[in-house]
N, C-alpha and C. Protein backbone atom coordinates (compact mmCIF):
# COMPACT_ATOMS: atom_id res chain seq x y z
N MET A 1 1.41 -5.99 9.99
CA MET A 1 1.98 -5.76 8.67
C MET A 1 0.99 -5.01 7.77
N LEU A 2 -0.27 -5.43 7.84
CA LEU A 2 -1.29 -4.78 7.02
C LEU A 2 -1.44 -3.31 7.40
N TRP A 3 -1.31 -3.02 8.70
CA TRP A 3 -1.43 -1.64 9.15
C TRP A 3 -0.31 -0.78 8.57
N THR A 4 0.89 -1.34 8.52
CA THR A 4 2.04 -0.60 7.98
C THR A 4 1.83 -0.30 6.50
N ILE A 5 1.40 -1.31 5.76
CA ILE A 5 1.14 -1.13 4.33
C ILE A 5 0.05 -0.08 4.12
N LEU A 6 -0.99 -0.18 4.92
CA LEU A 6 -2.10 0.77 4.81
C LEU A 6 -1.63 2.20 5.10
N LEU A 7 -0.81 2.35 6.12
CA LEU A 7 -0.29 3.68 6.47
C LEU A 7 0.59 4.24 5.36
N VAL A 8 1.48 3.41 4.81
CA VAL A 8 2.36 3.86 3.72
C VAL A 8 1.53 4.27 2.51
N LEU A 9 0.55 3.45 2.16
CA LEU A 9 -0.31 3.78 1.02
C LEU A 9 -1.10 5.06 1.26
N LEU A 10 -1.54 5.24 2.50
CA LEU A 10 -2.29 6.46 2.82
C LEU A 10 -1.41 7.69 2.67
N VAL A 11 -0.17 7.62 3.14
CA VAL A 11 0.76 8.74 3.01
C VAL A 11 1.05 9.02 1.53
N LEU A 12 1.31 7.95 0.78
CA LEU A 12 1.57 8.13 -0.66
C LEU A 12 0.35 8.70 -1.37
N TRP A 13 -0.84 8.26 -0.96
CA TRP A 13 -2.06 8.78 -1.56
C TRP A 13 -2.20 10.27 -1.28
N LEU A 14 -1.91 10.65 -0.02
CA LEU A 14 -2.00 12.08 0.33
C LEU A 14 -0.98 12.90 -0.47
N LEU A 15 0.23 12.34 -0.63
CA LEU A 15 1.23 13.03 -1.45
C LEU A 15 0.75 13.15 -2.90
N GLY A 16 0.13 12.10 -3.39
CA GLY A 16 -0.40 12.13 -4.75
C GLY A 16 -1.53 13.12 -4.90
N LEU A 17 -2.35 13.24 -3.85
CA LEU A 17 -3.46 14.18 -3.87
C LEU A 17 -2.95 15.61 -3.90
N VAL A 18 -1.92 15.88 -3.11
CA VAL A 18 -1.37 17.23 -3.01
C VAL A 18 -0.45 17.54 -4.18
N GLY A 19 0.47 16.59 -4.50
CA GLY A 19 1.50 16.89 -5.49
C GLY A 19 1.34 16.20 -6.82
N GLY A 20 0.32 15.41 -6.99
CA GLY A 20 0.12 14.72 -8.27
C GLY A 20 1.10 13.57 -8.49
N ILE A 21 1.63 13.00 -7.42
CA ILE A 21 2.60 11.91 -7.52
C ILE A 21 1.86 10.57 -7.46
N GLY A 22 2.20 9.66 -8.37
CA GLY A 22 1.67 8.31 -8.28
C GLY A 22 0.40 8.04 -9.05
N GLY A 23 -0.41 9.02 -9.24
CA GLY A 23 -1.61 8.85 -10.03
C GLY A 23 -2.61 7.88 -9.42
N ASN A 24 -3.29 7.16 -10.29
CA ASN A 24 -4.37 6.28 -9.88
C ASN A 24 -3.89 4.98 -9.24
N LEU A 25 -2.64 4.59 -9.47
CA LEU A 25 -2.14 3.34 -8.91
C LEU A 25 -2.16 3.36 -7.39
N ILE A 26 -1.71 4.44 -6.79
CA ILE A 26 -1.71 4.55 -5.33
C ILE A 26 -3.14 4.49 -4.81
N HIS A 27 -4.04 5.18 -5.48
CA HIS A 27 -5.45 5.15 -5.07
C HIS A 27 -6.00 3.73 -5.13
N LEU A 28 -5.71 3.02 -6.20
CA LEU A 28 -6.18 1.64 -6.35
C LEU A 28 -5.60 0.74 -5.25
N LEU A 29 -4.30 0.86 -4.97
CA LEU A 29 -3.67 0.05 -3.93
C LEU A 29 -4.25 0.36 -2.55
N LEU A 30 -4.54 1.63 -2.29
CA LEU A 30 -5.15 2.01 -1.02
C LEU A 30 -6.54 1.40 -0.88
N VAL A 31 -7.32 1.44 -1.92
CA VAL A 31 -8.66 0.86 -1.89
C VAL A 31 -8.57 -0.65 -1.65
N VAL A 32 -7.63 -1.32 -2.31
CA VAL A 32 -7.46 -2.77 -2.12
C VAL A 32 -7.06 -3.07 -0.67
N ALA A 33 -6.11 -2.30 -0.12
CA ALA A 33 -5.68 -2.52 1.26
C ALA A 33 -6.83 -2.29 2.24
N LEU A 34 -7.63 -1.27 2.02
CA LEU A 34 -8.79 -1.02 2.87
C LEU A 34 -9.82 -2.15 2.75
N ALA A 35 -10.01 -2.66 1.54
CA ALA A 35 -10.95 -3.77 1.34
C ALA A 35 -10.49 -5.00 2.10
N VAL A 36 -9.19 -5.31 2.04
CA VAL A 36 -8.66 -6.46 2.77
C VAL A 36 -8.85 -6.27 4.27
N LEU A 37 -8.59 -5.07 4.77
CA LEU A 37 -8.77 -4.78 6.19
C LEU A 37 -10.23 -4.97 6.60
N ILE A 38 -11.14 -4.46 5.81
CA ILE A 38 -12.56 -4.58 6.13
C ILE A 38 -13.00 -6.03 6.10
N ILE A 39 -12.54 -6.79 5.11
CA ILE A 39 -12.89 -8.21 5.03
C ILE A 39 -12.39 -8.96 6.26
N GLN A 40 -11.17 -8.66 6.69
CA GLN A 40 -10.63 -9.32 7.88
C GLN A 40 -11.45 -8.96 9.12
N LEU A 41 -11.87 -7.73 9.22
CA LEU A 41 -12.68 -7.33 10.37
C LEU A 41 -14.04 -8.01 10.34
N ILE A 42 -14.65 -8.11 9.17
CA ILE A 42 -15.98 -8.70 9.05
C ILE A 42 -15.95 -10.20 9.30
N THR A 43 -14.89 -10.87 8.84
CA THR A 43 -14.84 -12.32 8.98
C THR A 43 -14.43 -12.76 10.37
N GLY A 44 -14.30 -11.83 11.28
CA GLY A 44 -14.08 -12.19 12.68
C GLY A 44 -12.64 -12.41 13.06
N ARG A 45 -11.74 -11.74 12.42
CA ARG A 45 -10.33 -11.85 12.80
C ARG A 45 -10.14 -11.15 14.13
N ARG A 46 -10.15 -11.93 15.20
CA ARG A 46 -10.05 -11.35 16.54
C ARG A 46 -8.76 -10.58 16.74
N ALA A 47 -7.67 -11.07 16.15
CA ALA A 47 -6.39 -10.38 16.33
C ALA A 47 -6.45 -8.97 15.73
N VAL A 48 -7.10 -8.84 14.57
CA VAL A 48 -7.22 -7.53 13.94
C VAL A 48 -8.15 -6.63 14.76
N LYS A 49 -9.27 -7.20 15.20
CA LYS A 49 -10.19 -6.43 16.04
C LYS A 49 -9.49 -5.99 17.32
N GLY A 50 -8.70 -6.90 17.88
CA GLY A 50 -7.96 -6.58 19.10
C GLY A 50 -6.98 -5.45 18.89
N ALA A 51 -6.30 -5.46 17.74
CA ALA A 51 -5.34 -4.40 17.44
C ALA A 51 -6.05 -3.06 17.34
N VAL A 52 -7.21 -3.04 16.71
CA VAL A 52 -7.99 -1.80 16.58
C VAL A 52 -8.41 -1.31 17.96
N LYS A 53 -8.94 -2.23 18.79
CA LYS A 53 -9.35 -1.84 20.15
C LYS A 53 -8.17 -1.31 20.96
N GLU A 54 -7.04 -2.01 20.85
CA GLU A 54 -5.87 -1.60 21.61
C GLU A 54 -5.42 -0.19 21.21
N GLU A 55 -5.36 0.07 19.90
CA GLU A 55 -4.94 1.39 19.43
C GLU A 55 -5.93 2.47 19.85
N LEU A 56 -7.23 2.17 19.76
CA LEU A 56 -8.23 3.14 20.21
C LEU A 56 -8.08 3.41 21.70
N GLY A 57 -7.82 2.35 22.46
CA GLY A 57 -7.61 2.52 23.89
C GLY A 57 -6.40 3.39 24.19
N LYS A 58 -5.33 3.19 23.41
CA LYS A 58 -4.13 4.02 23.61
C LYS A 58 -4.42 5.47 23.26
N LEU A 59 -5.13 5.69 22.14
CA LEU A 59 -5.42 7.06 21.71
C LEU A 59 -6.33 7.80 22.68
N THR A 60 -7.31 7.08 23.24
CA THR A 60 -8.28 7.72 24.13
C THR A 60 -7.85 7.66 25.59
N GLY A 61 -6.80 6.90 25.89
CA GLY A 61 -6.37 6.76 27.28
C GLY A 61 -7.23 5.80 28.07
N ASP A 62 -8.03 4.99 27.40
CA ASP A 62 -8.93 4.03 28.04
C ASP A 62 -8.17 2.72 28.27
N ARG A 63 -7.73 2.51 29.51
CA ARG A 63 -6.94 1.31 29.82
C ARG A 63 -7.75 0.03 29.62
N ASP A 64 -9.03 0.07 29.97
CA ASP A 64 -9.87 -1.11 29.84
C ASP A 64 -10.00 -1.53 28.38
N LEU A 65 -10.23 -0.58 27.50
CA LEU A 65 -10.35 -0.87 26.07
C LEU A 65 -9.02 -1.39 25.52
N ARG A 66 -7.93 -0.79 25.95
CA ARG A 66 -6.60 -1.24 25.52
C ARG A 66 -6.35 -2.68 25.97
N ASP A 67 -6.70 -2.98 27.23
CA ASP A 67 -6.48 -4.33 27.76
C ASP A 67 -7.37 -5.35 27.06
N ARG A 68 -8.62 -4.97 26.78
CA ARG A 68 -9.51 -5.89 26.05
C ARG A 68 -8.98 -6.14 24.65
N GLY A 69 -8.41 -5.11 24.03
CA GLY A 69 -7.82 -5.27 22.71
C GLY A 69 -6.65 -6.23 22.73
N THR A 70 -5.80 -6.09 23.74
CA THR A 70 -4.66 -7.00 23.89
C THR A 70 -5.15 -8.43 24.09
N ALA A 71 -6.16 -8.59 24.93
CA ALA A 71 -6.71 -9.93 25.19
C ALA A 71 -7.31 -10.52 23.90
N ASP A 72 -8.01 -9.71 23.13
CA ASP A 72 -8.57 -10.19 21.87
C ASP A 72 -7.48 -10.62 20.89
N GLN A 73 -6.38 -9.86 20.88
CA GLN A 73 -5.27 -10.23 20.00
C GLN A 73 -4.70 -11.59 20.39
N VAL A 74 -4.48 -11.78 21.68
CA VAL A 74 -3.93 -13.05 22.16
C VAL A 74 -4.90 -14.18 21.84
N GLU A 75 -6.19 -13.95 22.11
CA GLU A 75 -7.20 -14.97 21.83
C GLU A 75 -7.24 -15.30 20.34
N GLY A 76 -7.15 -14.29 19.51
CA GLY A 76 -7.15 -14.50 18.07
C GLY A 76 -5.94 -15.29 17.60
N ASP A 77 -4.77 -14.97 18.18
CA ASP A 77 -3.56 -15.71 17.82
C ASP A 77 -3.66 -17.17 18.23
N VAL A 78 -4.17 -17.42 19.44
CA VAL A 78 -4.34 -18.80 19.90
C VAL A 78 -5.33 -19.53 19.01
N GLN A 79 -6.43 -18.87 18.68
CA GLN A 79 -7.46 -19.47 17.83
C GLN A 79 -6.88 -19.81 16.45
N GLU A 80 -6.07 -18.92 15.91
CA GLU A 80 -5.46 -19.17 14.60
C GLU A 80 -4.49 -20.35 14.66
N LYS A 81 -3.67 -20.40 15.70
CA LYS A 81 -2.71 -21.50 15.84
C LYS A 81 -3.42 -22.83 16.06
N PHE A 82 -4.50 -22.81 16.83
CA PHE A 82 -5.29 -24.02 17.04
C PHE A 82 -5.88 -24.50 15.71
N GLY A 83 -6.38 -23.58 14.92
CA GLY A 83 -6.94 -23.94 13.61
C GLY A 83 -5.89 -24.54 12.70
N LYS A 84 -4.68 -23.97 12.70
CA LYS A 84 -3.60 -24.52 11.87
C LYS A 84 -3.23 -25.92 12.34
N ALA A 85 -3.13 -26.10 13.65
CA ALA A 85 -2.79 -27.42 14.19
C ALA A 85 -3.86 -28.44 13.83
N LYS A 86 -5.11 -28.02 13.91
CA LYS A 86 -6.23 -28.91 13.58
C LYS A 86 -6.18 -29.31 12.10
N ARG A 87 -5.87 -28.34 11.23
CA ARG A 87 -5.75 -28.66 9.80
C ARG A 87 -4.58 -29.61 9.54
N ASN A 88 -3.45 -29.38 10.22
CA ASN A 88 -2.29 -30.26 10.05
C ASN A 88 -2.60 -31.68 10.50
N ILE A 89 -3.30 -31.82 11.61
CA ILE A 89 -3.67 -33.16 12.08
C ILE A 89 -4.62 -33.81 11.09
N GLY A 90 -5.58 -33.05 10.60
CA GLY A 90 -6.52 -33.58 9.60
C GLY A 90 -5.81 -34.05 8.35
N GLU A 91 -4.85 -33.27 7.88
CA GLU A 91 -4.09 -33.67 6.69
C GLU A 91 -3.25 -34.91 6.96
N ALA A 92 -2.67 -35.02 8.16
CA ALA A 92 -1.87 -36.20 8.51
C ALA A 92 -2.75 -37.44 8.56
N VAL A 93 -3.95 -37.32 9.13
CA VAL A 93 -4.87 -38.46 9.19
C VAL A 93 -5.31 -38.85 7.78
N GLU A 94 -5.57 -37.86 6.95
CA GLU A 94 -5.96 -38.14 5.57
C GLU A 94 -4.83 -38.85 4.81
N ASP A 95 -3.60 -38.39 4.99
CA ASP A 95 -2.45 -39.05 4.35
C ASP A 95 -2.31 -40.48 4.84
N LEU A 96 -2.48 -40.68 6.13
CA LEU A 96 -2.39 -42.02 6.70
C LEU A 96 -3.48 -42.93 6.12
N GLY A 97 -4.68 -42.39 5.99
CA GLY A 97 -5.78 -43.17 5.40
C GLY A 97 -5.49 -43.54 3.95
N GLU A 98 -4.88 -42.64 3.21
CA GLU A 98 -4.53 -42.92 1.82
C GLU A 98 -3.45 -43.99 1.74
N ARG A 99 -2.48 -43.94 2.66
CA ARG A 99 -1.43 -44.96 2.69
C ARG A 99 -1.99 -46.34 3.02
N ILE A 100 -2.91 -46.37 3.94
CA ILE A 100 -3.52 -47.65 4.34
C ILE A 100 -4.35 -48.21 3.20
N ALA A 101 -5.05 -47.35 2.50
CA ALA A 101 -5.93 -47.78 1.41
C ALA A 101 -5.14 -48.28 0.22
N SER A 102 -3.93 -47.82 0.02
CA SER A 102 -3.18 -48.24 -1.18
C SER A 102 -2.27 -49.40 -0.95
């Protein structure tokens, strides 16, 4: 989803650069979208890193890079779901502890 937003903003920014459409708002939104993308990459979002690797592999014809990107995406998705499940269990235990205490 972030890639789609980034692409749309980039196209609008280019239109604004060429035709003066949109002004500074498009530029600001593009900068914000790029900042979010960079933060996700830096904080270790494996799914995002995997998507980048996969696309680079497709562009360069490197099957190994594409496959590693796909694997990273799957690993990132599993890691994210495990983290959500862990948080849900923690919240359930905390709620149970509060019920017992009261």
